């Protein structure tokens, strides 16, 4: 009889708690809906990076090349790398998986997002994977083939701005004629 009484009391308490939760809780906070970017057929299916995203892609590639070369130089004490070493690093940079990059929509404009690119607004949906990693890899190999490993490494040795200038902002670069897009405004924080 005792186990039955304990079960009855437990069910009564659980039932009472559920009833209290229904009547006494404040209304739920409003939810926010953030849609995924609507991609055009070219953006979804083409093997090539859409023209509108090439400047962002170039900055992502320059960032990754810079990071990989900096790490390799750190292993040899910040000295210049041998030609065979920087060629290997550039190949590895372009052949990485690129899975941390994707596209999102910001104020009605599609932007590439990921490491080395300006931070985006916190309430946005990024579409990653799919064609984006392969497109970035192909573009990276194209830049290395077009500019040459020695010229890219020389720009790296002059600094990140020089590498971005060489790859992205030169006469034929994907960002040529564009001023850098400003970062989106940061949300204001309350100061105490």
N, C-alpha and C. Protein backbone atom coordinates (compact mmCIF):
# COMPACT_ATOMS: atom_id res chain seq x y z
N UNK A 1 0.82 -1.19 0.00
CA UNK A 1 0.00 0.00 0.00
C UNK A 1 0.87 1.25 0.00
N UNK A 2 1.97 1.20 0.70
CA UNK A 2 2.84 2.36 0.79
C UNK A 2 3.38 2.79 -0.56
N UNK A 3 3.88 1.89 -1.45
CA UNK A 3 4.37 2.31 -2.76
C UNK A 3 3.26 2.97 -3.58
N UNK A 4 2.03 2.48 -3.46
CA UNK A 4 0.92 3.07 -4.20
C UNK A 4 0.67 4.49 -3.72
N UNK A 5 0.74 4.72 -2.40
CA UNK A 5 0.53 6.05 -1.85
C UNK A 5 1.64 7.01 -2.30
N UNK A 6 2.89 6.54 -2.32
CA UNK A 6 4.02 7.36 -2.77
C UNK A 6 3.84 7.74 -4.24
N UNK A 7 3.43 6.79 -5.05
CA UNK A 7 3.21 7.07 -6.47
C UNK A 7 2.09 8.07 -6.65
N UNK A 8 1.01 7.93 -5.86
CA UNK A 8 -0.13 8.84 -5.97
C UNK A 8 0.29 10.27 -5.59
N UNK A 9 1.10 10.41 -4.50
CA UNK A 9 1.58 11.72 -4.08
C UNK A 9 2.51 12.34 -5.14
N UNK A 10 3.38 11.52 -5.71
CA UNK A 10 4.30 12.00 -6.73
C UNK A 10 3.53 12.49 -7.95
N UNK A 11 2.55 11.74 -8.40
CA UNK A 11 1.74 12.15 -9.54
C UNK A 11 0.97 13.43 -9.22
N UNK A 12 0.49 13.54 -7.99
CA UNK A 12 -0.23 14.74 -7.59
C UNK A 12 0.67 15.96 -7.62
N UNK A 13 1.91 15.80 -7.13
CA UNK A 13 2.85 16.92 -7.16
C UNK A 13 3.22 17.31 -8.58
N UNK A 14 3.49 16.31 -9.42
CA UNK A 14 3.82 16.61 -10.81
C UNK A 14 2.66 17.26 -11.52
N UNK A 15 1.48 16.77 -11.28
CA UNK A 15 0.29 17.36 -11.90
C UNK A 15 0.09 18.78 -11.43
N UNK A 16 0.31 19.05 -10.16
CA UNK A 16 0.15 20.40 -9.62
C UNK A 16 1.19 21.35 -10.19
N UNK A 17 2.41 20.86 -10.35
CA UNK A 17 3.47 21.69 -10.92
C UNK A 17 3.13 22.05 -12.35
N UNK A 18 2.63 21.10 -13.10
CA UNK A 18 2.28 21.36 -14.50
C UNK A 18 1.17 22.39 -14.58
N UNK A 19 0.19 22.30 -13.67
CA UNK A 19 -0.91 23.25 -13.69
C UNK A 19 -0.41 24.64 -13.33
N UNK A 20 0.50 24.73 -12.34
CA UNK A 20 1.05 26.02 -11.97
C UNK A 20 1.80 26.64 -13.14
N UNK A 21 2.57 25.81 -13.86
CA UNK A 21 3.34 26.30 -14.98
C UNK A 21 2.45 26.89 -16.05
N UNK A 22 1.27 26.35 -16.22
CA UNK A 22 0.36 26.83 -17.25
C UNK A 22 -0.22 28.19 -16.86
N UNK A 23 -0.53 28.37 -15.59
CA UNK A 23 -1.25 29.58 -15.17
C UNK A 23 -0.34 30.69 -14.68
N UNK A 24 0.78 30.34 -14.02
CA UNK A 24 1.56 31.36 -13.35
C UNK A 24 2.76 31.87 -14.12
N UNK A 25 3.13 31.25 -15.22
CA UNK A 25 4.33 31.68 -15.95
C UNK A 25 4.06 32.95 -16.74
N UNK A 26 5.08 33.80 -16.85
CA UNK A 26 4.92 34.98 -17.71
C UNK A 26 4.87 34.53 -19.17
N UNK A 27 4.34 35.35 -20.04
CA UNK A 27 4.29 34.95 -21.44
C UNK A 27 5.69 34.74 -22.00
N UNK A 28 5.81 33.83 -22.93
CA UNK A 28 7.11 33.52 -23.52
C UNK A 28 7.62 34.72 -24.31
N UNK A 29 8.94 34.86 -24.34
CA UNK A 29 9.56 35.95 -25.10
C UNK A 29 9.29 35.74 -26.59
N UNK A 30 9.13 36.82 -27.33
CA UNK A 30 8.86 36.65 -28.75
C UNK A 30 10.06 35.99 -29.44
N UNK A 31 9.80 35.13 -30.39
CA UNK A 31 10.88 34.46 -31.10
C UNK A 31 11.21 35.26 -32.36
N UNK A 32 12.45 35.12 -32.80
CA UNK A 32 12.91 35.81 -34.00
C UNK A 32 13.12 34.77 -35.09
N UNK A 33 12.73 35.10 -36.28
CA UNK A 33 12.93 34.22 -37.42
C UNK A 33 13.94 34.85 -38.35
N UNK A 34 15.00 34.12 -38.64
CA UNK A 34 16.03 34.60 -39.54
C UNK A 34 16.10 33.62 -40.70
N UNK A 35 15.66 34.05 -41.87
CA UNK A 35 15.66 33.12 -43.01
C UNK A 35 17.07 32.91 -43.56
N UNK A 36 17.28 31.76 -44.17
CA UNK A 36 18.53 31.48 -44.86
C UNK A 36 18.56 32.32 -46.14
N UNK A 37 19.73 32.67 -46.63
CA UNK A 37 19.79 33.45 -47.87
C UNK A 37 19.18 32.68 -49.03
N UNK A 38 18.49 33.41 -49.89
CA UNK A 38 17.90 32.81 -51.08
C UNK A 38 18.96 32.86 -52.18
N UNK A 39 19.45 31.71 -52.59
CA UNK A 39 20.52 31.65 -53.57
C UNK A 39 19.96 31.49 -54.98
N UNK A 40 20.55 32.21 -55.91
CA UNK A 40 20.16 32.09 -57.31
C UNK A 40 20.67 30.76 -57.86
N UNK A 41 20.19 30.34 -59.01
CA UNK A 41 20.72 29.10 -59.61
C UNK A 41 22.25 29.16 -59.80
N UNK A 42 22.78 30.31 -60.20
CA UNK A 42 24.24 30.43 -60.36
C UNK A 42 24.94 30.21 -59.02
N UNK A 43 24.42 30.81 -57.97
CA UNK A 43 25.04 30.70 -56.65
C UNK A 43 24.94 29.28 -56.10
N UNK A 44 23.90 28.56 -56.46
CA UNK A 44 23.74 27.18 -55.99
C UNK A 44 24.49 26.17 -56.83
N UNK A 45 24.54 26.36 -58.15
CA UNK A 45 24.95 25.28 -59.04
C UNK A 45 26.26 25.50 -59.79
N UNK A 46 26.66 26.72 -60.01
CA UNK A 46 27.85 26.98 -60.81
C UNK A 46 29.10 26.50 -60.09
N UNK A 47 30.07 25.97 -60.84
CA UNK A 47 31.33 25.58 -60.19
C UNK A 47 32.23 26.78 -59.88
N UNK A 48 31.85 27.97 -60.38
CA UNK A 48 32.66 29.17 -60.20
C UNK A 48 32.09 30.07 -59.12
N UNK A 49 32.96 30.85 -58.51
CA UNK A 49 32.54 31.81 -57.49
C UNK A 49 31.76 32.92 -58.19
N UNK A 50 30.55 33.23 -57.70
CA UNK A 50 29.79 34.34 -58.30
C UNK A 50 30.59 35.64 -58.22
N UNK A 51 30.47 36.44 -59.25
CA UNK A 51 31.21 37.71 -59.34
C UNK A 51 31.00 38.57 -58.10
N UNK A 52 29.79 38.60 -57.58
CA UNK A 52 29.47 39.47 -56.44
C UNK A 52 30.18 39.05 -55.15
N UNK A 53 30.70 37.83 -55.09
CA UNK A 53 31.36 37.34 -53.89
C UNK A 53 32.87 37.20 -54.05
N UNK A 54 33.40 37.56 -55.21
CA UNK A 54 34.83 37.34 -55.46
C UNK A 54 35.74 38.20 -54.60
N UNK A 55 35.33 39.41 -54.28
CA UNK A 55 36.17 40.26 -53.43
C UNK A 55 36.26 39.64 -52.03
N UNK A 56 35.12 39.23 -51.47
CA UNK A 56 35.12 38.58 -50.15
C UNK A 56 35.97 37.30 -50.20
N UNK A 57 35.81 36.53 -51.28
CA UNK A 57 36.56 35.27 -51.41
C UNK A 57 38.06 35.55 -51.45
N UNK A 58 38.46 36.59 -52.16
CA UNK A 58 39.87 36.94 -52.24
C UNK A 58 40.43 37.29 -50.86
N UNK A 59 39.67 38.03 -50.08
CA UNK A 59 40.13 38.39 -48.73
C UNK A 59 40.24 37.14 -47.86
N UNK A 60 39.32 36.19 -48.01
CA UNK A 60 39.40 34.94 -47.25
C UNK A 60 40.65 34.15 -47.65
N UNK A 61 40.92 34.10 -48.95
CA UNK A 61 42.09 33.37 -49.44
C UNK A 61 43.38 34.04 -48.95
N UNK A 62 43.45 35.35 -49.05
CA UNK A 62 44.64 36.07 -48.58
C UNK A 62 44.86 35.81 -47.09
N UNK A 63 43.78 35.81 -46.31
CA UNK A 63 43.89 35.54 -44.88
C UNK A 63 44.45 34.14 -44.63
N UNK A 64 43.91 33.14 -45.32
CA UNK A 64 44.36 31.76 -45.11
C UNK A 64 45.82 31.57 -45.53
N UNK A 65 46.21 32.17 -46.67
CA UNK A 65 47.60 32.08 -47.11
C UNK A 65 48.51 32.74 -46.07
N UNK A 66 48.12 33.91 -45.62
CA UNK A 66 48.92 34.63 -44.63
C UNK A 66 49.07 33.79 -43.35
N UNK A 67 47.98 33.21 -42.87
CA UNK A 67 48.03 32.41 -41.65
C UNK A 67 48.95 31.19 -41.81
N UNK A 68 48.83 30.49 -42.92
CA UNK A 68 49.63 29.29 -43.15
C UNK A 68 51.12 29.63 -43.27
N UNK A 69 51.43 30.71 -44.01
CA UNK A 69 52.84 31.12 -44.15
C UNK A 69 53.41 31.60 -42.81
N UNK A 70 52.61 32.33 -42.05
CA UNK A 70 53.06 32.81 -40.74
C UNK A 70 53.37 31.63 -39.81
N UNK A 71 52.50 30.62 -39.81
CA UNK A 71 52.74 29.43 -38.97
C UNK A 71 54.00 28.71 -39.40
N UNK A 72 54.20 28.57 -40.71
CA UNK A 72 55.39 27.88 -41.20
C UNK A 72 56.65 28.64 -40.82
N UNK A 73 56.63 29.96 -40.92
CA UNK A 73 57.79 30.76 -40.53
C UNK A 73 58.02 30.68 -39.02
N UNK A 74 56.96 30.58 -38.25
CA UNK A 74 57.10 30.45 -36.81
C UNK A 74 57.86 29.19 -36.41
N UNK A 75 57.74 28.15 -37.22
CA UNK A 75 58.45 26.90 -36.93
C UNK A 75 59.94 27.00 -37.21
N UNK A 76 60.34 27.96 -38.06
CA UNK A 76 61.77 28.12 -38.36
C UNK A 76 62.33 29.40 -37.74
N UNK A 77 61.63 29.94 -36.77
CA UNK A 77 62.12 31.11 -36.04
C UNK A 77 61.95 32.41 -36.79
N UNK A 78 60.86 32.57 -37.49
CA UNK A 78 60.52 33.81 -38.21
C UNK A 78 61.46 34.10 -39.38
N UNK A 79 62.32 33.15 -39.72
CA UNK A 79 63.21 33.34 -40.87
C UNK A 79 62.41 33.12 -42.15
N UNK A 80 62.98 33.61 -43.24
CA UNK A 80 62.35 33.38 -44.54
C UNK A 80 62.38 31.88 -44.85
N UNK A 81 61.33 31.41 -45.46
CA UNK A 81 61.24 30.00 -45.85
C UNK A 81 62.02 29.76 -47.13
N UNK A 82 62.49 28.52 -47.29
CA UNK A 82 63.10 28.13 -48.56
C UNK A 82 61.99 28.04 -49.60
N UNK A 83 62.37 28.18 -50.87
CA UNK A 83 61.39 28.14 -51.95
C UNK A 83 60.54 26.87 -51.91
N UNK A 84 61.16 25.74 -51.70
CA UNK A 84 60.40 24.48 -51.67
C UNK A 84 59.40 24.47 -50.52
N UNK A 85 59.76 25.12 -49.40
CA UNK A 85 58.87 25.15 -48.24
C UNK A 85 57.66 26.05 -48.49
N UNK A 86 57.88 27.26 -49.02
CA UNK A 86 56.72 28.13 -49.23
C UNK A 86 55.83 27.63 -50.36
N UNK A 87 56.41 26.94 -51.34
CA UNK A 87 55.57 26.34 -52.39
C UNK A 87 54.67 25.28 -51.78
N UNK A 88 55.23 24.47 -50.88
CA UNK A 88 54.42 23.44 -50.21
C UNK A 88 53.33 24.06 -49.34
N UNK A 89 53.66 25.14 -48.63
CA UNK A 89 52.68 25.80 -47.77
C UNK A 89 51.55 26.39 -48.62
N UNK A 90 51.89 27.01 -49.75
CA UNK A 90 50.85 27.58 -50.61
C UNK A 90 49.95 26.49 -51.18
N UNK A 91 50.51 25.36 -51.55
CA UNK A 91 49.70 24.24 -52.05
C UNK A 91 48.76 23.75 -50.95
N UNK A 92 49.29 23.62 -49.75
CA UNK A 92 48.47 23.16 -48.62
C UNK A 92 47.38 24.18 -48.29
N UNK A 93 47.71 25.48 -48.39
CA UNK A 93 46.73 26.53 -48.12
C UNK A 93 45.55 26.42 -49.07
N UNK A 94 45.83 26.22 -50.34
CA UNK A 94 44.75 26.16 -51.34
C UNK A 94 43.99 24.84 -51.30
N UNK A 95 44.63 23.79 -50.84
CA UNK A 95 43.99 22.46 -50.83
C UNK A 95 43.27 22.14 -49.53
N UNK A 96 43.24 23.06 -48.58
CA UNK A 96 42.54 22.81 -47.32
C UNK A 96 41.05 22.59 -47.59
N UNK A 97 40.28 22.27 -46.57
CA UNK A 97 38.87 21.93 -46.81
C UNK A 97 37.93 23.13 -46.94
N UNK A 98 38.29 24.32 -46.46
CA UNK A 98 37.50 25.55 -46.61
C UNK A 98 36.09 25.42 -46.04
N UNK A 99 35.83 24.46 -45.18
CA UNK A 99 34.47 24.21 -44.67
C UNK A 99 33.95 25.29 -43.73
N UNK A 100 34.82 26.13 -43.23
CA UNK A 100 34.37 27.16 -42.29
C UNK A 100 33.84 28.41 -43.00
N UNK A 101 33.76 28.36 -44.31
CA UNK A 101 33.25 29.49 -45.08
C UNK A 101 31.90 29.17 -45.68
N UNK A 102 31.11 30.20 -45.82
CA UNK A 102 29.79 30.05 -46.43
C UNK A 102 29.23 31.41 -46.79
N UNK A 103 28.01 31.44 -47.25
CA UNK A 103 27.39 32.69 -47.66
C UNK A 103 26.22 33.01 -46.73
N UNK A 104 26.03 34.29 -46.49
CA UNK A 104 24.89 34.75 -45.71
C UNK A 104 24.36 36.01 -46.36
N UNK A 105 23.19 36.40 -45.93
CA UNK A 105 22.58 37.61 -46.47
C UNK A 105 22.57 38.67 -45.38
N UNK A 106 23.08 39.85 -45.72
CA UNK A 106 23.19 40.93 -44.77
C UNK A 106 22.61 42.18 -45.43
N UNK A 107 21.52 42.67 -44.89
CA UNK A 107 20.83 43.84 -45.44
C UNK A 107 20.51 43.66 -46.93
N UNK A 108 20.06 42.47 -47.28
CA UNK A 108 19.66 42.19 -48.66
C UNK A 108 20.81 41.90 -49.60
N UNK A 109 22.05 41.90 -49.09
CA UNK A 109 23.23 41.64 -49.92
C UNK A 109 23.88 40.34 -49.47
N UNK A 110 24.21 39.48 -50.40
CA UNK A 110 24.88 38.23 -50.06
C UNK A 110 26.36 38.52 -49.85
N UNK A 111 26.91 37.93 -48.78
CA UNK A 111 28.31 38.12 -48.42
C UNK A 111 28.91 36.77 -48.04
N UNK A 112 30.17 36.60 -48.34
CA UNK A 112 30.90 35.43 -47.89
C UNK A 112 31.27 35.68 -46.44
N UNK A 113 31.25 34.64 -45.64
CA UNK A 113 31.52 34.77 -44.22
C UNK A 113 32.46 33.65 -43.77
N UNK A 114 33.34 33.97 -42.84
CA UNK A 114 34.25 32.98 -42.29
C UNK A 114 35.49 33.66 -41.74
N UNK A 115 36.50 32.89 -41.34
CA UNK A 115 37.72 33.45 -40.76
C UNK A 115 38.39 34.45 -41.70
N UNK A 116 38.81 35.59 -41.11
CA UNK A 116 39.51 36.61 -41.86
C UNK A 116 38.61 37.61 -42.57
N UNK A 117 37.30 37.41 -42.49
CA UNK A 117 36.35 38.33 -43.11
C UNK A 117 35.68 39.13 -42.01
N UNK A 118 35.18 40.33 -42.34
CA UNK A 118 34.53 41.14 -41.30
C UNK A 118 33.42 40.37 -40.60
N UNK A 119 33.31 40.58 -39.31
CA UNK A 119 32.24 39.93 -38.53
C UNK A 119 30.89 40.39 -39.04
N UNK A 120 29.97 39.47 -39.09
CA UNK A 120 28.63 39.77 -39.56
C UNK A 120 27.71 39.95 -38.36
N UNK A 121 26.49 40.37 -38.62
CA UNK A 121 25.52 40.55 -37.55
C UNK A 121 25.24 39.20 -36.88
N UNK A 122 24.96 39.21 -35.58
CA UNK A 122 24.76 37.96 -34.86
C UNK A 122 23.53 37.18 -35.31
N UNK A 123 22.50 37.84 -35.80
CA UNK A 123 21.30 37.13 -36.23
C UNK A 123 21.30 36.98 -37.75
N UNK A 124 22.09 36.04 -38.22
CA UNK A 124 22.12 35.73 -39.64
C UNK A 124 22.35 34.24 -39.79
N UNK A 125 21.90 33.71 -40.91
CA UNK A 125 22.05 32.29 -41.19
C UNK A 125 23.08 32.14 -42.30
N UNK A 126 24.10 31.35 -42.04
CA UNK A 126 25.14 31.12 -43.04
C UNK A 126 24.91 29.77 -43.69
N UNK A 127 24.98 29.74 -45.01
CA UNK A 127 24.90 28.50 -45.77
C UNK A 127 26.33 28.11 -46.12
N UNK A 128 26.82 27.06 -45.47
CA UNK A 128 28.20 26.62 -45.67
C UNK A 128 28.19 25.28 -46.39
N UNK A 129 29.38 24.79 -46.69
CA UNK A 129 29.48 23.52 -47.39
C UNK A 129 29.04 23.68 -48.83
N UNK A 130 28.47 22.66 -49.40
CA UNK A 130 28.00 22.73 -50.78
C UNK A 130 29.13 23.12 -51.72
N UNK A 131 28.88 24.11 -52.60
CA UNK A 131 29.89 24.47 -53.59
C UNK A 131 30.97 25.42 -53.08
N UNK A 132 30.77 26.03 -51.92
CA UNK A 132 31.68 27.09 -51.46
C UNK A 132 33.11 26.61 -51.24
N UNK A 133 33.37 25.50 -50.56
CA UNK A 133 34.77 25.08 -50.36
C UNK A 133 35.51 24.83 -51.67
N UNK A 134 34.85 24.17 -52.62
CA UNK A 134 35.51 23.88 -53.90
C UNK A 134 35.79 25.18 -54.67
N UNK A 135 34.86 26.11 -54.62
CA UNK A 135 35.06 27.39 -55.30
C UNK A 135 36.25 28.15 -54.72
N UNK A 136 36.35 28.16 -53.40
CA UNK A 136 37.47 28.85 -52.76
C UNK A 136 38.81 28.19 -53.11
N UNK A 137 38.83 26.87 -53.11
CA UNK A 137 40.05 26.15 -53.46
C UNK A 137 40.47 26.45 -54.89
N UNK A 138 39.52 26.43 -55.82
CA UNK A 138 39.84 26.73 -57.22
C UNK A 138 40.36 28.15 -57.39
N UNK A 139 39.72 29.10 -56.73
CA UNK A 139 40.18 30.49 -56.81
C UNK A 139 41.59 30.63 -56.24
N UNK A 140 41.83 30.00 -55.12
CA UNK A 140 43.14 30.06 -54.47
C UNK A 140 44.22 29.53 -55.41
N UNK A 141 43.99 28.36 -56.00
CA UNK A 141 44.96 27.79 -56.94
C UNK A 141 45.14 28.73 -58.14
N UNK A 142 44.06 29.35 -58.58
CA UNK A 142 44.14 30.30 -59.68
C UNK A 142 45.01 31.50 -59.35
N UNK A 143 44.85 32.06 -58.15
CA UNK A 143 45.67 33.20 -57.73
C UNK A 143 47.14 32.82 -57.65
N UNK A 144 47.43 31.65 -57.10
CA UNK A 144 48.82 31.21 -56.98
C UNK A 144 49.41 31.00 -58.38
N UNK A 145 48.64 30.39 -59.27
CA UNK A 145 49.14 30.18 -60.63
C UNK A 145 49.34 31.48 -61.39
N UNK A 146 48.44 32.42 -61.21
CA UNK A 146 48.50 33.70 -61.91
C UNK A 146 49.62 34.59 -61.38
N UNK A 147 49.73 34.69 -60.07
CA UNK A 147 50.72 35.59 -59.48
C UNK A 147 52.10 34.94 -59.33
N UNK A 148 52.12 33.65 -59.10
CA UNK A 148 53.37 32.94 -58.87
C UNK A 148 53.70 32.87 -57.39
N UNK A 149 54.26 31.75 -57.01
CA UNK A 149 54.56 31.52 -55.60
C UNK A 149 55.54 32.53 -55.04
N UNK A 150 56.60 32.87 -55.81
CA UNK A 150 57.62 33.79 -55.31
C UNK A 150 57.04 35.18 -55.07
N UNK A 151 56.18 35.64 -55.98
CA UNK A 151 55.59 36.97 -55.82
C UNK A 151 54.63 36.99 -54.62
N UNK A 152 53.87 35.92 -54.43
CA UNK A 152 52.96 35.84 -53.28
C UNK A 152 53.75 35.81 -51.98
N UNK A 153 54.82 35.01 -51.95
CA UNK A 153 55.62 34.94 -50.73
C UNK A 153 56.30 36.28 -50.44
N UNK A 154 56.77 36.96 -51.48
CA UNK A 154 57.38 38.27 -51.30
C UNK A 154 56.39 39.27 -50.72
N UNK A 155 55.16 39.24 -51.21
CA UNK A 155 54.12 40.13 -50.67
C UNK A 155 53.83 39.78 -49.21
N UNK A 156 53.78 38.50 -48.90
CA UNK A 156 53.57 38.07 -47.51
C UNK A 156 54.66 38.62 -46.61
N UNK A 157 55.90 38.60 -47.08
CA UNK A 157 57.02 39.09 -46.26
C UNK A 157 56.91 40.59 -46.00
N UNK A 158 56.22 41.32 -46.88
CA UNK A 158 56.02 42.75 -46.67
C UNK A 158 54.84 43.03 -45.75
N UNK A 159 53.98 42.04 -45.52
CA UNK A 159 52.87 42.21 -44.58
C UNK A 159 51.52 41.86 -45.19
N UNK A 160 50.51 41.62 -44.32
CA UNK A 160 49.19 41.22 -44.79
C UNK A 160 48.56 42.20 -45.78
N UNK A 161 48.78 43.48 -45.57
CA UNK A 161 48.19 44.47 -46.48
C UNK A 161 48.78 44.33 -47.88
N UNK A 162 50.06 44.04 -47.97
CA UNK A 162 50.70 43.87 -49.27
C UNK A 162 50.17 42.64 -49.99
N UNK A 163 49.92 41.57 -49.25
CA UNK A 163 49.37 40.36 -49.87
C UNK A 163 47.96 40.61 -50.37
N UNK A 164 47.13 41.28 -49.57
CA UNK A 164 45.76 41.60 -50.01
C UNK A 164 45.79 42.53 -51.22
N UNK A 165 46.72 43.47 -51.22
CA UNK A 165 46.84 44.39 -52.36
C UNK A 165 47.20 43.61 -53.63
N UNK A 166 48.16 42.72 -53.52
CA UNK A 166 48.59 41.93 -54.67
C UNK A 166 47.45 41.07 -55.22
N UNK A 167 46.79 40.33 -54.33
CA UNK A 167 45.78 39.37 -54.79
C UNK A 167 44.44 40.02 -55.11
N UNK A 168 44.02 40.98 -54.31
CA UNK A 168 42.64 41.45 -54.37
C UNK A 168 42.44 42.83 -54.96
N UNK A 169 43.36 43.74 -54.72
CA UNK A 169 43.10 45.14 -55.06
C UNK A 169 43.93 45.67 -56.22
N UNK A 170 44.76 44.83 -56.83
CA UNK A 170 45.54 45.28 -57.98
C UNK A 170 44.62 45.62 -59.15
N UNK A 171 45.20 46.02 -60.27
CA UNK A 171 44.42 46.44 -61.44
C UNK A 171 43.39 45.39 -61.88
N UNK A 172 43.78 44.13 -61.83
CA UNK A 172 42.88 43.06 -62.29
C UNK A 172 42.25 42.29 -61.14
N UNK A 173 42.49 42.71 -59.92
CA UNK A 173 41.97 41.99 -58.75
C UNK A 173 40.46 42.11 -58.64
N UNK A 174 39.83 41.18 -57.95
CA UNK A 174 38.37 41.19 -57.82
C UNK A 174 37.82 42.37 -57.02
N UNK A 175 38.67 43.03 -56.27
CA UNK A 175 38.23 44.19 -55.49
C UNK A 175 38.68 45.50 -56.14
N UNK A 176 39.28 45.44 -57.32
CA UNK A 176 39.79 46.63 -58.00
C UNK A 176 38.64 47.61 -58.21
N UNK A 177 38.91 48.86 -57.88
CA UNK A 177 37.90 49.89 -58.07
C UNK A 177 36.86 49.95 -56.95
N UNK A 178 36.89 49.02 -56.05
CA UNK A 178 35.95 49.03 -54.91
C UNK A 178 36.68 49.53 -53.70
N UNK A 179 36.01 50.33 -52.94
CA UNK A 179 36.59 50.62 -51.63
C UNK A 179 36.15 49.49 -50.71
N UNK A 180 36.95 49.20 -49.74
CA UNK A 180 36.58 48.12 -48.79
C UNK A 180 35.24 48.45 -48.16
N UNK A 181 34.40 47.45 -48.08
CA UNK A 181 33.10 47.63 -47.44
C UNK A 181 33.32 47.78 -45.95
N UNK A 182 32.65 48.74 -45.34
CA UNK A 182 32.84 48.89 -43.89
C UNK A 182 32.20 47.73 -43.14
N UNK A 183 32.75 47.46 -41.98
CA UNK A 183 32.14 46.46 -41.11
C UNK A 183 30.75 46.94 -40.72
N UNK A 184 29.82 46.01 -40.55
CA UNK A 184 28.49 46.44 -40.07
C UNK A 184 28.61 47.05 -38.68
N UNK A 185 27.73 48.01 -38.35
CA UNK A 185 27.83 48.63 -37.03
C UNK A 185 27.64 47.58 -35.93
N UNK A 186 28.42 47.76 -34.87
CA UNK A 186 28.31 46.84 -33.74
C UNK A 186 27.14 47.26 -32.88
N UNK A 187 26.53 46.26 -32.25
CA UNK A 187 25.41 46.56 -31.36
C UNK A 187 25.93 47.34 -30.15
N UNK A 188 25.19 48.32 -29.74
CA UNK A 188 25.58 49.11 -28.57
C UNK A 188 25.42 48.27 -27.32
N UNK A 189 26.35 48.41 -26.42
CA UNK A 189 26.27 47.69 -25.16
C UNK A 189 26.06 48.69 -24.05
N UNK A 190 25.31 48.28 -23.07
CA UNK A 190 25.11 49.14 -21.91
C UNK A 190 26.39 49.23 -21.11
N UNK A 191 26.75 50.42 -20.73
CA UNK A 191 27.94 50.60 -19.91
C UNK A 191 27.49 50.84 -18.48
N UNK A 192 28.19 50.25 -17.53
CA UNK A 192 27.86 50.42 -16.12
C UNK A 192 28.72 51.47 -15.50
